[in-house]
């Protein structure tokens, strides 16, 4: 969609060493067979290779609102509310 107007992009930034145990824990309760170390590390590579260039592209236009996400759900939600508040 080359003509789509993007107001901003939310970028939930969480280190892989924080995400890995979270995803493994999710796998214990969700029954997802792809929440294993090998699949998760492949998703991390895909994110770095395919998604980060998109984030970097929007950063060049000043359209990325970064949410630090290595905290509690409540704190991340508060940060999200603050990031989207200007357009609501």
N, C-alpha and C. Protein backbone atom coordinates (compact mmCIF):
# COMPACT_ATOMS: atom_id res chain seq x y z
N UNK A 1 0.83 -1.18 0.00
CA UNK A 1 0.00 0.00 0.00
C UNK A 1 0.88 1.25 0.00
N UNK A 2 1.40 1.61 -1.14
CA UNK A 2 2.29 2.76 -1.19
C UNK A 2 1.60 4.08 -0.85
N UNK A 3 0.28 4.15 -0.94
CA UNK A 3 -0.43 5.40 -0.66
C UNK A 3 -1.05 5.43 0.72
N UNK A 4 -0.79 4.43 1.54
CA UNK A 4 -1.37 4.40 2.88
C UNK A 4 -0.70 5.46 3.74
N UNK A 5 -1.51 6.18 4.50
CA UNK A 5 -0.97 7.19 5.40
C UNK A 5 -0.73 6.53 6.76
N UNK A 6 0.53 6.46 7.14
CA UNK A 6 0.89 5.86 8.42
C UNK A 6 1.14 7.00 9.40
N UNK A 7 0.30 7.06 10.41
CA UNK A 7 0.44 8.09 11.43
C UNK A 7 1.67 7.81 12.30
N UNK A 8 1.77 6.56 12.75
CA UNK A 8 2.93 6.13 13.52
C UNK A 8 2.93 4.62 13.61
N UNK A 9 4.05 4.08 14.06
CA UNK A 9 4.22 2.64 14.26
C UNK A 9 4.58 2.42 15.72
N UNK A 10 3.86 1.51 16.37
CA UNK A 10 4.23 1.12 17.73
C UNK A 10 5.28 0.03 17.64
N UNK A 11 6.39 0.23 18.32
CA UNK A 11 7.47 -0.75 18.32
C UNK A 11 7.69 -1.21 19.76
N UNK A 12 7.23 -2.41 20.04
CA UNK A 12 7.41 -2.99 21.38
C UNK A 12 8.81 -3.59 21.44
N UNK A 13 9.69 -2.91 22.14
CA UNK A 13 11.10 -3.28 22.19
C UNK A 13 11.39 -4.07 23.45
N UNK A 14 11.75 -5.33 23.28
CA UNK A 14 12.03 -6.21 24.40
C UNK A 14 13.24 -7.07 24.02
N UNK A 15 14.25 -7.12 24.87
CA UNK A 15 15.42 -7.93 24.55
C UNK A 15 15.07 -9.42 24.42
N UNK A 16 15.79 -10.08 23.54
CA UNK A 16 15.54 -11.50 23.31
C UNK A 16 15.72 -12.32 24.58
N UNK A 17 16.67 -11.92 25.45
CA UNK A 17 16.89 -12.70 26.68
C UNK A 17 15.73 -12.56 27.66
N UNK A 18 14.88 -11.57 27.47
CA UNK A 18 13.66 -11.44 28.27
C UNK A 18 12.51 -12.18 27.58
N UNK A 19 12.45 -12.06 26.26
CA UNK A 19 11.36 -12.70 25.52
C UNK A 19 11.44 -14.22 25.55
N UNK A 20 12.64 -14.77 25.48
CA UNK A 20 12.77 -16.23 25.40
C UNK A 20 12.08 -16.93 26.57
N UNK A 21 12.37 -16.59 27.83
CA UNK A 21 11.66 -17.28 28.91
C UNK A 21 10.16 -17.01 28.91
N UNK A 22 9.75 -15.81 28.50
CA UNK A 22 8.31 -15.52 28.42
C UNK A 22 7.62 -16.44 27.43
N UNK A 23 8.25 -16.61 26.27
CA UNK A 23 7.65 -17.45 25.24
C UNK A 23 7.68 -18.93 25.63
N UNK A 24 8.75 -19.35 26.27
CA UNK A 24 8.80 -20.74 26.73
C UNK A 24 7.73 -20.99 27.79
N UNK A 25 7.52 -20.02 28.66
CA UNK A 25 6.47 -20.16 29.67
C UNK A 25 5.09 -20.20 29.01
N UNK A 26 4.89 -19.35 28.01
CA UNK A 26 3.62 -19.37 27.29
C UNK A 26 3.39 -20.74 26.67
N UNK A 27 4.44 -21.33 26.13
CA UNK A 27 4.32 -22.63 25.50
C UNK A 27 3.89 -23.73 26.46
N UNK A 28 4.25 -23.58 27.72
CA UNK A 28 3.85 -24.58 28.72
C UNK A 28 2.34 -24.60 28.95
N UNK A 29 1.71 -23.45 28.81
CA UNK A 29 0.28 -23.38 29.09
C UNK A 29 -0.59 -23.32 27.83
N UNK A 30 -0.01 -22.89 26.72
CA UNK A 30 -0.82 -22.70 25.51
C UNK A 30 -0.95 -23.96 24.68
N UNK A 31 -0.01 -24.87 24.84
CA UNK A 31 -0.03 -26.06 24.00
C UNK A 31 0.54 -25.83 22.62
N UNK A 32 1.10 -24.63 22.38
CA UNK A 32 1.69 -24.34 21.07
C UNK A 32 2.97 -25.15 20.90
N UNK A 33 3.03 -25.92 19.85
CA UNK A 33 4.21 -26.74 19.61
C UNK A 33 5.39 -25.91 19.09
N UNK A 34 5.10 -24.69 18.59
CA UNK A 34 6.19 -23.86 18.07
C UNK A 34 6.80 -22.94 19.12
N UNK A 35 6.39 -23.05 20.37
CA UNK A 35 7.03 -22.29 21.44
C UNK A 35 8.12 -23.16 22.07
N UNK A 36 9.13 -23.43 21.26
CA UNK A 36 10.31 -24.16 21.72
C UNK A 36 11.53 -23.33 21.34
N UNK A 37 12.66 -23.65 21.92
CA UNK A 37 13.85 -22.81 21.74
C UNK A 37 14.21 -22.65 20.26
N UNK A 38 14.22 -23.73 19.51
CA UNK A 38 14.62 -23.64 18.10
C UNK A 38 13.68 -22.74 17.30
N UNK A 39 12.38 -22.92 17.47
CA UNK A 39 11.41 -22.10 16.73
C UNK A 39 11.47 -20.64 17.15
N UNK A 40 11.62 -20.41 18.45
CA UNK A 40 11.68 -19.03 18.96
C UNK A 40 12.91 -18.33 18.41
N UNK A 41 14.06 -18.99 18.42
CA UNK A 41 15.28 -18.37 17.89
C UNK A 41 15.15 -18.09 16.40
N UNK A 42 14.44 -18.95 15.68
CA UNK A 42 14.19 -18.70 14.25
C UNK A 42 13.30 -17.47 14.09
N UNK A 43 12.28 -17.32 14.95
CA UNK A 43 11.43 -16.13 14.90
C UNK A 43 12.23 -14.86 15.19
N UNK A 44 13.16 -14.95 16.15
CA UNK A 44 14.01 -13.80 16.45
C UNK A 44 14.83 -13.40 15.21
N UNK A 45 15.41 -14.38 14.52
CA UNK A 45 16.19 -14.09 13.30
C UNK A 45 15.31 -13.46 12.23
N UNK A 46 14.12 -14.02 12.05
CA UNK A 46 13.20 -13.48 11.06
C UNK A 46 12.85 -12.04 11.40
N UNK A 47 12.60 -11.77 12.67
CA UNK A 47 12.28 -10.41 13.09
C UNK A 47 13.44 -9.46 12.77
N UNK A 48 14.65 -9.85 13.16
CA UNK A 48 15.81 -8.99 12.91
C UNK A 48 16.00 -8.74 11.41
N UNK A 49 15.85 -9.80 10.61
CA UNK A 49 16.14 -9.69 9.18
C UNK A 49 15.02 -9.06 8.36
N UNK A 50 13.77 -9.33 8.73
CA UNK A 50 12.64 -8.90 7.90
C UNK A 50 11.84 -7.73 8.46
N UNK A 51 11.74 -7.66 9.78
CA UNK A 51 10.90 -6.63 10.39
C UNK A 51 11.69 -5.39 10.80
N UNK A 52 12.87 -5.57 11.34
CA UNK A 52 13.66 -4.41 11.78
C UNK A 52 13.92 -3.41 10.65
N UNK A 53 14.17 -3.85 9.42
CA UNK A 53 14.33 -2.86 8.35
C UNK A 53 13.08 -1.99 8.16
N UNK A 54 11.91 -2.55 8.39
CA UNK A 54 10.67 -1.77 8.29
C UNK A 54 10.62 -0.74 9.41
N UNK A 55 10.95 -1.17 10.61
CA UNK A 55 11.00 -0.24 11.76
C UNK A 55 12.01 0.87 11.47
N UNK A 56 13.18 0.51 10.98
CA UNK A 56 14.20 1.51 10.67
C UNK A 56 13.74 2.47 9.59
N UNK A 57 13.01 1.98 8.62
CA UNK A 57 12.47 2.85 7.57
C UNK A 57 11.55 3.91 8.18
N UNK A 58 10.63 3.48 9.04
CA UNK A 58 9.72 4.44 9.66
C UNK A 58 10.44 5.35 10.66
N UNK A 59 11.53 4.87 11.25
CA UNK A 59 12.32 5.73 12.13
C UNK A 59 12.89 6.92 11.37
N UNK A 60 13.28 6.70 10.12
CA UNK A 60 13.84 7.80 9.33
C UNK A 60 12.83 8.91 9.10
N UNK A 61 11.54 8.57 9.24
CA UNK A 61 10.47 9.56 9.06
C UNK A 61 9.94 10.06 10.40
N UNK A 62 10.55 9.60 11.50
CA UNK A 62 10.10 10.03 12.82
C UNK A 62 8.74 9.47 13.20
N UNK A 63 8.41 8.28 12.69
CA UNK A 63 7.07 7.74 12.92
C UNK A 63 7.03 6.54 13.87
N UNK A 64 8.13 6.25 14.53
CA UNK A 64 8.17 5.10 15.43
C UNK A 64 7.99 5.58 16.87
N UNK A 65 7.06 4.94 17.55
CA UNK A 65 6.87 5.18 18.98
C UNK A 65 7.29 3.89 19.69
N UNK A 66 8.44 3.98 20.31
CA UNK A 66 9.04 2.81 20.93
C UNK A 66 8.48 2.61 22.33
N UNK A 67 8.07 1.38 22.59
CA UNK A 67 7.56 1.00 23.90
C UNK A 67 8.55 0.01 24.51
N UNK A 68 9.22 0.40 25.57
CA UNK A 68 10.12 -0.51 26.26
C UNK A 68 9.24 -1.57 26.93
N UNK A 69 9.49 -2.83 26.62
CA UNK A 69 8.55 -3.88 26.99
C UNK A 69 9.14 -4.98 27.88
N UNK A 70 10.23 -4.68 28.53
CA UNK A 70 10.83 -5.70 29.41
C UNK A 70 10.41 -5.48 30.86
N UNK A 71 9.19 -5.02 31.02
CA UNK A 71 8.66 -4.68 32.34
C UNK A 71 7.34 -5.42 32.55
N UNK A 72 6.62 -5.05 33.58
CA UNK A 72 5.34 -5.70 33.87
C UNK A 72 4.30 -5.35 32.80
N UNK A 73 3.29 -6.17 32.71
CA UNK A 73 2.20 -5.93 31.77
C UNK A 73 1.58 -4.55 32.03
N UNK A 74 1.40 -4.22 33.29
CA UNK A 74 0.77 -2.95 33.66
C UNK A 74 1.60 -1.76 33.18
N UNK A 75 2.91 -1.84 33.38
CA UNK A 75 3.78 -0.72 32.96
C UNK A 75 3.83 -0.60 31.44
N UNK A 76 3.87 -1.73 30.74
CA UNK A 76 3.87 -1.69 29.28
C UNK A 76 2.55 -1.12 28.77
N UNK A 77 1.45 -1.49 29.40
CA UNK A 77 0.15 -0.96 29.00
C UNK A 77 0.10 0.56 29.21
N UNK A 78 0.63 1.02 30.34
CA UNK A 78 0.66 2.47 30.61
C UNK A 78 1.49 3.19 29.55
N UNK A 79 2.63 2.63 29.19
CA UNK A 79 3.48 3.23 28.16
C UNK A 79 2.75 3.26 26.81
N UNK A 80 2.00 2.20 26.53
CA UNK A 80 1.23 2.15 25.28
C UNK A 80 0.17 3.24 25.27
N UNK A 81 -0.53 3.38 26.38
CA UNK A 81 -1.55 4.44 26.46
C UNK A 81 -0.93 5.82 26.22
N UNK A 82 0.23 6.05 26.81
CA UNK A 82 0.89 7.34 26.63
C UNK A 82 1.32 7.56 25.18
N UNK A 83 1.73 6.48 24.52
CA UNK A 83 2.18 6.59 23.13
C UNK A 83 1.04 6.91 22.16
N UNK A 84 -0.15 6.37 22.43
CA UNK A 84 -1.27 6.58 21.51
C UNK A 84 -2.17 7.75 21.92
N UNK A 85 -1.99 8.25 23.12
CA UNK A 85 -2.85 9.32 23.63
C UNK A 85 -2.93 10.54 22.70
N UNK A 86 -1.82 10.97 22.10
CA UNK A 86 -1.91 12.16 21.24
C UNK A 86 -2.90 12.04 20.07
N UNK A 87 -3.22 10.83 19.63
CA UNK A 87 -4.14 10.71 18.49
C UNK A 87 -5.55 10.36 18.90
N UNK A 88 -5.76 10.10 20.17
CA UNK A 88 -7.12 9.73 20.61
C UNK A 88 -7.97 10.93 20.89
